[in-house]
Amino acid sequence: MGVNLSIKNVPAEKVELLKQRAKSNHRSLQGELLAIIDQAAAAAPKKTMTIEELSAYVQSLGLKTRDEATKMIREDRDR
């Protein structure tokens, strides 16, 4: 079951802009607000690694030199 949220003291101008946005997206104001929350939640940072987890991950890559790491980063960036 969902949770009810409340935002207090929203300026009237912001409410009007949200209503216009909802209308242009063929949604109710409630639907538009939920879509905004969904988008924000999807963009939220994922679980962060501890130093130990990061160290184990780097060691698992088997890199021996900085050049190998640089090459790997560039290949990933180019993808």
PDB file of N, CA and C in Angstrom:
ATOM      1  N   MET A   1       0.837  -1.172   0.000  1.00  0.00           N
ATOM      2  CA  MET A   1       0.000   0.000   0.000  1.00  0.00           C
ATOM      3  C   MET A   1       0.885   1.240   0.000  1.00  0.00           C
ATOM      4  N   GLY A   2       0.470   2.251  -0.695  1.00  0.00           N
ATOM      5  CA  GLY A   2       1.233   3.485  -0.807  1.00  0.00           C
ATOM      6  C   GLY A   2       1.176   4.327   0.445  1.00  0.00           C
ATOM      7  N   VAL A   3       1.995   5.353   0.455  1.00  0.00           N
ATOM      8  CA  VAL A   3       2.077   6.299   1.557  1.00  0.00           C
ATOM      9  C   VAL A   3       1.608   7.652   1.053  1.00  0.00           C
ATOM     10  N   ASN A   4       0.854   8.365   1.862  1.00  0.00           N
ATOM     11  CA  ASN A   4       0.418   9.710   1.503  1.00  0.00           C
ATOM     12  C   ASN A   4       1.489  10.713   1.903  1.00  0.00           C
ATOM     13  N   LEU A   5       1.831  11.615   0.989  1.00  0.00           N
ATOM     14  CA  LEU A   5       2.803  12.674   1.258  1.00  0.00           C
ATOM     15  C   LEU A   5       2.094  14.015   1.173  1.00  0.00           C
ATOM     16  N   SER A   6       2.625  14.989   1.881  1.00  0.00           N
ATOM     17  CA  SER A   6       2.051  16.325   1.850  1.00  0.00           C
ATOM     18  C   SER A   6       3.186  17.340   1.772  1.00  0.00           C
ATOM     19  N   ILE A   7       3.024  18.318   0.893  1.00  0.00           N
ATOM     20  CA  ILE A   7       3.993  19.409   0.793  1.00  0.00           C
ATOM     21  C   ILE A   7       3.245  20.684   1.149  1.00  0.00           C
ATOM     22  N   LYS A   8       3.729  21.358   2.162  1.00  0.00           N
ATOM     23  CA  LYS A   8       3.053  22.563   2.634  1.00  0.00           C
ATOM     24  C   LYS A   8       3.689  23.816   2.052  1.00  0.00           C
ATOM     25  N   ASN A   9       2.896  24.857   1.960  1.00  0.00           N
ATOM     26  CA  ASN A   9       3.354  26.201   1.563  1.00  0.00           C
ATOM     27  C   ASN A   9       3.985  26.255   0.170  1.00  0.00           C
ATOM     28  N   VAL A  10       3.443  25.512  -0.761  1.00  0.00           N
ATOM     29  CA  VAL A  10       3.920  25.570  -2.140  1.00  0.00           C
ATOM     30  C   VAL A  10       3.388  26.860  -2.758  1.00  0.00           C
ATOM     31  N   PRO A  11       4.263  27.685  -3.319  1.00  0.00           N
ATOM     32  CA  PRO A  11       3.797  28.940  -3.926  1.00  0.00           C
ATOM     33  C   PRO A  11       2.799  28.670  -5.053  1.00  0.00           C
ATOM     34  N   ALA A  12       1.799  29.519  -5.139  1.00  0.00           N
ATOM     35  CA  ALA A  12       0.738  29.363  -6.137  1.00  0.00           C
ATOM     36  C   ALA A  12       1.305  29.285  -7.553  1.00  0.00           C
ATOM     37  N   GLU A  13       2.374  30.045  -7.823  1.00  0.00           N
ATOM     38  CA  GLU A  13       2.980  30.030  -9.169  1.00  0.00           C
ATOM     39  C   GLU A  13       3.516  28.634  -9.504  1.00  0.00           C
ATOM     40  N   LYS A  14       4.118  27.990  -8.509  1.00  0.00           N
ATOM     41  CA  LYS A  14       4.656  26.639  -8.731  1.00  0.00           C
ATOM     42  C   LYS A  14       3.527  25.646  -8.989  1.00  0.00           C
ATOM     43  N   VAL A  15       2.452  25.783  -8.240  1.00  0.00           N
ATOM     44  CA  VAL A  15       1.304  24.889  -8.420  1.00  0.00           C
ATOM     45  C   VAL A  15       0.745  25.053  -9.827  1.00  0.00           C
ATOM     46  N   GLU A  16       0.640  26.288 -10.281  1.00  0.00           N
ATOM     47  CA  GLU A  16       0.112  26.542 -11.623  1.00  0.00           C
ATOM     48  C   GLU A  16       1.022  25.921 -12.685  1.00  0.00           C
ATOM     49  N   LEU A  17       2.342  26.069 -12.506  1.00  0.00           N
ATOM     50  CA  LEU A  17       3.288  25.468 -13.462  1.00  0.00           C
ATOM     51  C   LEU A  17       3.163  23.946 -13.468  1.00  0.00           C
ATOM     52  N   LEU A  18       2.994  23.354 -12.292  1.00  0.00           N
ATOM     53  CA  LEU A  18       2.826  21.902 -12.219  1.00  0.00           C
ATOM     54  C   LEU A  18       1.530  21.452 -12.879  1.00  0.00           C
ATOM     55  N   LYS A  19       0.466  22.231 -12.696  1.00  0.00           N
ATOM     56  CA  LYS A  19      -0.801  21.900 -13.347  1.00  0.00           C
ATOM     57  C   LYS A  19      -0.664  21.973 -14.868  1.00  0.00           C
ATOM     58  N   GLN A  20       0.040  22.991 -15.356  1.00  0.00           N
ATOM     59  CA  GLN A  20       0.255  23.115 -16.805  1.00  0.00           C
ATOM     60  C   GLN A  20       1.076  21.938 -17.324  1.00  0.00           C
ATOM     61  N   ARG A  21       2.096  21.579 -16.566  1.00  0.00           N
ATOM     62  CA  ARG A  21       2.941  20.441 -16.960  1.00  0.00           C
ATOM     63  C   ARG A  21       2.109  19.158 -16.995  1.00  0.00           C
ATOM     64  N   ALA A  22       1.277  18.969 -15.977  1.00  0.00           N
ATOM     65  CA  ALA A  22       0.420  17.780 -15.923  1.00  0.00           C
ATOM     66  C   ALA A  22      -0.509  17.740 -17.130  1.00  0.00           C
ATOM     67  N   LYS A  23      -1.100  18.873 -17.454  1.00  0.00           N
ATOM     68  CA  LYS A  23      -2.020  18.932 -18.591  1.00  0.00           C
ATOM     69  C   LYS A  23      -1.297  18.593 -19.890  1.00  0.00           C
ATOM     70  N   SER A  24      -0.102  19.136 -20.059  1.00  0.00           N
ATOM     71  CA  SER A  24       0.638  18.868 -21.304  1.00  0.00           C
ATOM     72  C   SER A  24       1.071  17.405 -21.411  1.00  0.00           C
ATOM     73  N   ASN A  25       1.173  16.726 -20.276  1.00  0.00           N
ATOM     74  CA  ASN A  25       1.532  15.298 -20.266  1.00  0.00           C
ATOM     75  C   ASN A  25       0.298  14.400 -20.152  1.00  0.00           C
ATOM     76  N   HIS A  26      -0.900  15.002 -20.268  1.00  0.00           N
ATOM     77  CA  HIS A  26      -2.158  14.263 -20.191  1.00  0.00           C
ATOM     78  C   HIS A  26      -2.280  13.472 -18.893  1.00  0.00           C
ATOM     79  N   ARG A  27      -1.938  14.159 -17.795  1.00  0.00           N
ATOM     80  CA  ARG A  27      -2.025  13.542 -16.476  1.00  0.00           C
ATOM     81  C   ARG A  27      -2.779  14.463 -15.535  1.00  0.00           C
ATOM     82  N   SER A  28      -3.238  13.874 -14.435  1.00  0.00           N
ATOM     83  CA  SER A  28      -3.764  14.681 -13.341  1.00  0.00           C
ATOM     84  C   SER A  28      -2.565  15.279 -12.602  1.00  0.00           C
ATOM     85  N   LEU A  29      -2.825  16.242 -11.747  1.00  0.00           N
ATOM     86  CA  LEU A  29      -1.737  16.810 -10.941  1.00  0.00           C
ATOM     87  C   LEU A  29      -1.104  15.709 -10.099  1.00  0.00           C
ATOM     88  N   GLN A  30      -1.938  14.867  -9.508  1.00  0.00           N
ATOM     89  CA  GLN A  30      -1.437  13.741  -8.705  1.00  0.00           C
ATOM     90  C   GLN A  30      -0.547  12.821  -9.547  1.00  0.00           C
ATOM     91  N   GLY A  31      -0.993  12.500 -10.752  1.00  0.00           N
ATOM     92  CA  GLY A  31      -0.203  11.645 -11.637  1.00  0.00           C
ATOM     93  C   GLY A  31       1.114  12.286 -12.029  1.00  0.00           C
ATOM     94  N   GLU A  32       1.098  13.578 -12.265  1.00  0.00           N
ATOM     95  CA  GLU A  32       2.322  14.292 -12.634  1.00  0.00           C
ATOM     96  C   GLU A  32       3.316  14.300 -11.482  1.00  0.00           C
ATOM     97  N   LEU A  33       2.807  14.559 -10.278  1.00  0.00           N
ATOM     98  CA  LEU A  33       3.689  14.558  -9.104  1.00  0.00           C
ATOM     99  C   LEU A  33       4.299  13.178  -8.876  1.00  0.00           C
ATOM    100  N   LEU A  34       3.506  12.137  -9.063  1.00  0.00           N
ATOM    101  CA  LEU A  34       4.028  10.779  -8.910  1.00  0.00           C
ATOM    102  C   LEU A  34       5.081  10.478  -9.976  1.00  0.00           C
ATOM    103  N   ALA A  35       4.874  10.950 -11.209  1.00  0.00           N
ATOM    104  CA  ALA A  35       5.851  10.754 -12.281  1.00  0.00           C
ATOM    105  C   ALA A  35       7.163  11.466 -11.933  1.00  0.00           C
ATOM    106  N   ILE A  36       7.060  12.666 -11.362  1.00  0.00           N
ATOM    107  CA  ILE A  36       8.262  13.409 -10.957  1.00  0.00           C
ATOM    108  C   ILE A  36       9.002  12.651  -9.855  1.00  0.00           C
ATOM    109  N   ILE A  37       8.262  12.120  -8.893  1.00  0.00           N
ATOM    110  CA  ILE A  37       8.883  11.341  -7.814  1.00  0.00           C
ATOM    111  C   ILE A  37       9.529  10.079  -8.374  1.00  0.00           C
ATOM    112  N   ASP A  38       8.859   9.390  -9.295  1.00  0.00           N
ATOM    113  CA  ASP A  38       9.436   8.190  -9.920  1.00  0.00           C
ATOM    114  C   ASP A  38      10.742   8.511 -10.620  1.00  0.00           C
ATOM    115  N   GLN A  39      10.755   9.609 -11.359  1.00  0.00           N
ATOM    116  CA  GLN A  39      11.959  10.016 -12.094  1.00  0.00           C
ATOM    117  C   GLN A  39      13.094  10.347 -11.123  1.00  0.00           C
ATOM    118  N   ALA A  40      12.784  11.061 -10.069  1.00  0.00           N
ATOM    119  CA  ALA A  40      13.809  11.426  -9.083  1.00  0.00           C
ATOM    120  C   ALA A  40      14.347  10.196  -8.363  1.00  0.00           C
ATOM    121  N   ALA A  41      13.458   9.258  -8.033  1.00  0.00           N
ATOM    122  CA  ALA A  41      13.889   8.044  -7.336  1.00  0.00           C
ATOM    123  C   ALA A  41      14.768   7.182  -8.229  1.00  0.00           C
ATOM    124  N   ALA A  42      14.454   7.134  -9.521  1.00  0.00           N
ATOM    125  CA  ALA A  42      15.262   6.339 -10.454  1.00  0.00           C
ATOM    126  C   ALA A  42      16.648   6.936 -10.623  1.00  0.00           C
ATOM    127  N   ALA A  43      16.755   8.254 -10.484  1.00  0.00           N
ATOM    128  CA  ALA A  43      18.036   8.927 -10.649  1.00  0.00           C
ATOM    129  C   ALA A  43      18.848   8.958  -9.357  1.00  0.00           C
ATOM    130  N   ALA A  44      18.255   8.494  -8.270  1.00  0.00           N
ATOM    131  CA  ALA A  44      18.949   8.513  -6.986  1.00  0.00           C
ATOM    132  C   ALA A  44      20.192   7.634  -7.048  1.00  0.00           C
ATOM    133  N   PRO A  45      21.239   8.040  -6.352  1.00  0.00           N
ATOM    134  CA  PRO A  45      22.468   7.237  -6.363  1.00  0.00           C
ATOM    135  C   PRO A  45      22.209   5.837  -5.821  1.00  0.00           C
ATOM    136  N   LYS A  46      22.895   4.900  -6.410  1.00  0.00           N
ATOM    137  CA  LYS A  46      22.779   3.512  -5.967  1.00  0.00           C
ATOM    138  C   LYS A  46      23.636   3.328  -4.715  1.00  0.00           C
ATOM    139  N   LYS A  47      23.603   2.125  -4.176  1.00  0.00           N
ATOM    140  CA  LYS A  47      24.375   1.813  -2.978  1.00  0.00           C
ATOM    141  C   LYS A  47      25.849   2.153  -3.188  1.00  0.00           C
ATOM    142  N   THR A  48      26.429   2.808  -2.231  1.00  0.00           N
ATOM    143  CA  THR A  48      27.844   3.136  -2.317  1.00  0.00           C
ATOM    144  C   THR A  48      28.674   1.967  -1.789  1.00  0.00           C
ATOM    145  N   MET A  49      29.910   1.883  -2.275  1.00  0.00           N
ATOM    146  CA  MET A  49      30.813   0.821  -1.844  1.00  0.00           C
ATOM    147  C   MET A  49      31.622   1.278  -0.634  1.00  0.00           C
ATOM    148  N   THR A  50      31.924   0.331   0.220  1.00  0.00           N
ATOM    149  CA  THR A  50      32.857   0.621   1.307  1.00  0.00           C
ATOM    150  C   THR A  50      34.264   0.575   0.718  1.00  0.00           C
ATOM    151  N   ILE A  51      35.221   1.076   1.460  1.00  0.00           N
ATOM    152  CA  ILE A  51      36.632   1.024   1.027  1.00  0.00           C
ATOM    153  C   ILE A  51      37.049  -0.419   0.792  1.00  0.00           C
ATOM    154  N   GLU A  52      36.620  -1.308   1.660  1.00  0.00           N
ATOM    155  CA  GLU A  52      36.986  -2.720   1.535  1.00  0.00           C
ATOM    156  C   GLU A  52      36.395  -3.325   0.261  1.00  0.00           C
ATOM    157  N   GLU A  53      35.125  -2.998  -0.043  1.00  0.00           N
ATOM    158  CA  GLU A  53      34.490  -3.514  -1.253  1.00  0.00           C
ATOM    159  C   GLU A  53      35.175  -2.970  -2.494  1.00  0.00           C
ATOM    160  N   LEU A  54      35.509  -1.687  -2.475  1.00  0.00           N
ATOM    161  CA  LEU A  54      36.193  -1.075  -3.607  1.00  0.00           C
ATOM    162  C   LEU A  54      37.563  -1.697  -3.807  1.00  0.00           C
ATOM    163  N   SER A  55      38.276  -1.899  -2.728  1.00  0.00           N
ATOM    164  CA  SER A  55      39.610  -2.515  -2.814  1.00  0.00           C
ATOM    165  C   SER A  55      39.514  -3.926  -3.390  1.00  0.00           C
ATOM    166  N   ALA A  56      38.552  -4.705  -2.926  1.00  0.00           N
ATOM    167  CA  ALA A  56      38.379  -6.069  -3.435  1.00  0.00           C
ATOM    168  C   ALA A  56      38.020  -6.047  -4.911  1.00  0.00           C
ATOM    169  N   TYR A  57      37.171  -5.101  -5.316  1.00  0.00           N
ATOM    170  CA  TYR A  57      36.780  -4.997  -6.724  1.00  0.00           C
ATOM    171  C   TYR A  57      37.992  -4.657  -7.597  1.00  0.00           C
ATOM    172  N   VAL A  58      38.778  -3.683  -7.170  1.00  0.00           N
ATOM    173  CA  VAL A  58      39.963  -3.289  -7.952  1.00  0.00           C
ATOM    174  C   VAL A  58      40.930  -4.462  -8.051  1.00  0.00           C
ATOM    175  N   GLN A  59      41.125  -5.172  -6.967  1.00  0.00           N
ATOM    176  CA  GLN A  59      42.026  -6.324  -7.004  1.00  0.00           C
ATOM    177  C   GLN A  59      41.490  -7.413  -7.929  1.00  0.00           C
ATOM    178  N   SER A  60      40.177  -7.568  -7.990  1.00  0.00           N
ATOM    179  CA  SER A  60      39.585  -8.596  -8.845  1.00  0.00           C
ATOM    180  C   SER A  60      39.795  -8.291 -10.330  1.00  0.00           C
ATOM    181  N   LEU A  61      40.055  -7.026 -10.658  1.00  0.00           N
ATOM    182  CA  LEU A  61      40.301  -6.660 -12.050  1.00  0.00           C
ATOM    183  C   LEU A  61      41.668  -7.135 -12.533  1.00  0.00           C
ATOM    184  N   GLY A  62      42.565  -7.405 -11.603  1.00  0.00           N
ATOM    185  CA  GLY A  62      43.875  -7.916 -11.963  1.00  0.00           C
ATOM    186  C   GLY A  62      44.769  -6.918 -12.679  1.00  0.00           C
ATOM    187  N   LEU A  63      44.561  -5.651 -12.447  1.00  0.00           N
ATOM    188  CA  LEU A  63      45.379  -4.633 -13.111  1.00  0.00           C
ATOM    189  C   LEU A  63      46.767  -4.585 -12.479  1.00  0.00           C
ATOM    190  N   LYS A  64      47.767  -4.415 -13.319  1.00  0.00           N
ATOM    191  CA  LYS A  64      49.145  -4.383 -12.832  1.00  0.00           C
ATOM    192  C   LYS A  64      49.745  -2.979 -12.914  1.00  0.00           C
ATOM    193  N   THR A  65      49.318  -2.202 -13.874  1.00  0.00           N
ATOM    194  CA  THR A  65      49.898  -0.869 -14.069  1.00  0.00           C
ATOM    195  C   THR A  65      48.804   0.178 -14.243  1.00  0.00           C
ATOM    196  N   ARG A  66      49.211   1.436 -14.115  1.00  0.00           N
ATOM    197  CA  ARG A  66      48.273   2.534 -14.344  1.00  0.00           C
ATOM    198  C   ARG A  66      47.789   2.552 -15.787  1.00  0.00           C
ATOM    199  N   ASP A  67      48.672   2.192 -16.700  1.00  0.00           N
ATOM    200  CA  ASP A  67      48.292   2.200 -18.118  1.00  0.00           C
ATOM    201  C   ASP A  67      47.137   1.235 -18.394  1.00  0.00           C
ATOM    202  N   GLU A  68      47.145   0.091 -17.730  1.00  0.00           N
ATOM    203  CA  GLU A  68      46.045  -0.861 -17.905  1.00  0.00           C
ATOM    204  C   GLU A  68      44.733  -0.261 -17.403  1.00  0.00           C
ATOM    205  N   ALA A  69      44.804   0.402 -16.262  1.00  0.00           N
ATOM    206  CA  ALA A  69      43.607   1.030 -15.705  1.00  0.00           C
ATOM    207  C   ALA A  69      43.116   2.142 -16.619  1.00  0.00           C
ATOM    208  N   THR A  70      44.024   2.952 -17.112  1.00  0.00           N
ATOM    209  CA  THR A  70      43.662   4.051 -18.011  1.00  0.00           C
ATOM    210  C   THR A  70      43.001   3.508 -19.268  1.00  0.00           C
ATOM    211  N   LYS A  71      43.568   2.449 -19.831  1.00  0.00           N
ATOM    212  CA  LYS A  71      43.002   1.839 -21.036  1.00  0.00           C
ATOM    213  C   LYS A  71      41.588   1.338 -20.767  1.00  0.00           C
ATOM    214  N   MET A  72      41.392   0.712 -19.626  1.00  0.00           N
ATOM    215  CA  MET A  72      40.086   0.181 -19.263  1.00  0.00           C
ATOM    216  C   MET A  72      39.053   1.308 -19.118  1.00  0.00           C
ATOM    217  N   ILE A  73      39.456   2.383 -18.475  1.00  0.00           N
ATOM    218  CA  ILE A  73      38.543   3.523 -18.293  1.00  0.00           C
ATOM    219  C   ILE A  73      38.177   4.145 -19.633  1.00  0.00           C
ATOM    220  N   ARG A  74      39.155   4.297 -20.516  1.00  0.00           N
ATOM    221  CA  ARG A  74      38.880   4.890 -21.828  1.00  0.00           C
ATOM    222  C   ARG A  74      37.953   4.009 -22.657  1.00  0.00           C
ATOM    223  N   GLU A  75      38.172   2.693 -22.597  1.00  0.00           N
ATOM    224  CA  GLU A  75      37.296   1.781 -23.332  1.00  0.00           C
ATOM    225  C   GLU A  75      35.860   1.857 -22.808  1.00  0.00           C
ATOM    226  N   ASP A  76      35.730   1.930 -21.483  1.00  0.00           N
ATOM    227  CA  ASP A  76      34.399   2.027 -20.889  1.00  0.00           C
ATOM    228  C   ASP A  76      33.736   3.342 -21.277  1.00  0.00           C
ATOM    229  N   ARG A  77      34.481   4.417 -21.278  1.00  0.00           N
ATOM    230  CA  ARG A  77      33.972   5.736 -21.637  1.00  0.00           C
ATOM    231  C   ARG A  77      33.516   5.781 -23.098  1.00  0.00           C
ATOM    232  N   ASP A  78      34.244   5.079 -23.963  1.00  0.00           N
ATOM    233  CA  ASP A  78      33.933   5.079 -25.404  1.00  0.00           C
ATOM    234  C   ASP A  78      32.688   4.249 -25.740  1.00  0.00           C
ATOM    235  N   ARG A  79      32.292   3.364 -24.839  1.00  0.00           N
ATOM    236  CA  ARG A  79      31.110   2.525 -25.078  1.00  0.00           C
ATOM    237  C   ARG A  79      29.835   3.293 -25.020  1.00  0.00           C
TER     238      ARG A  79
END
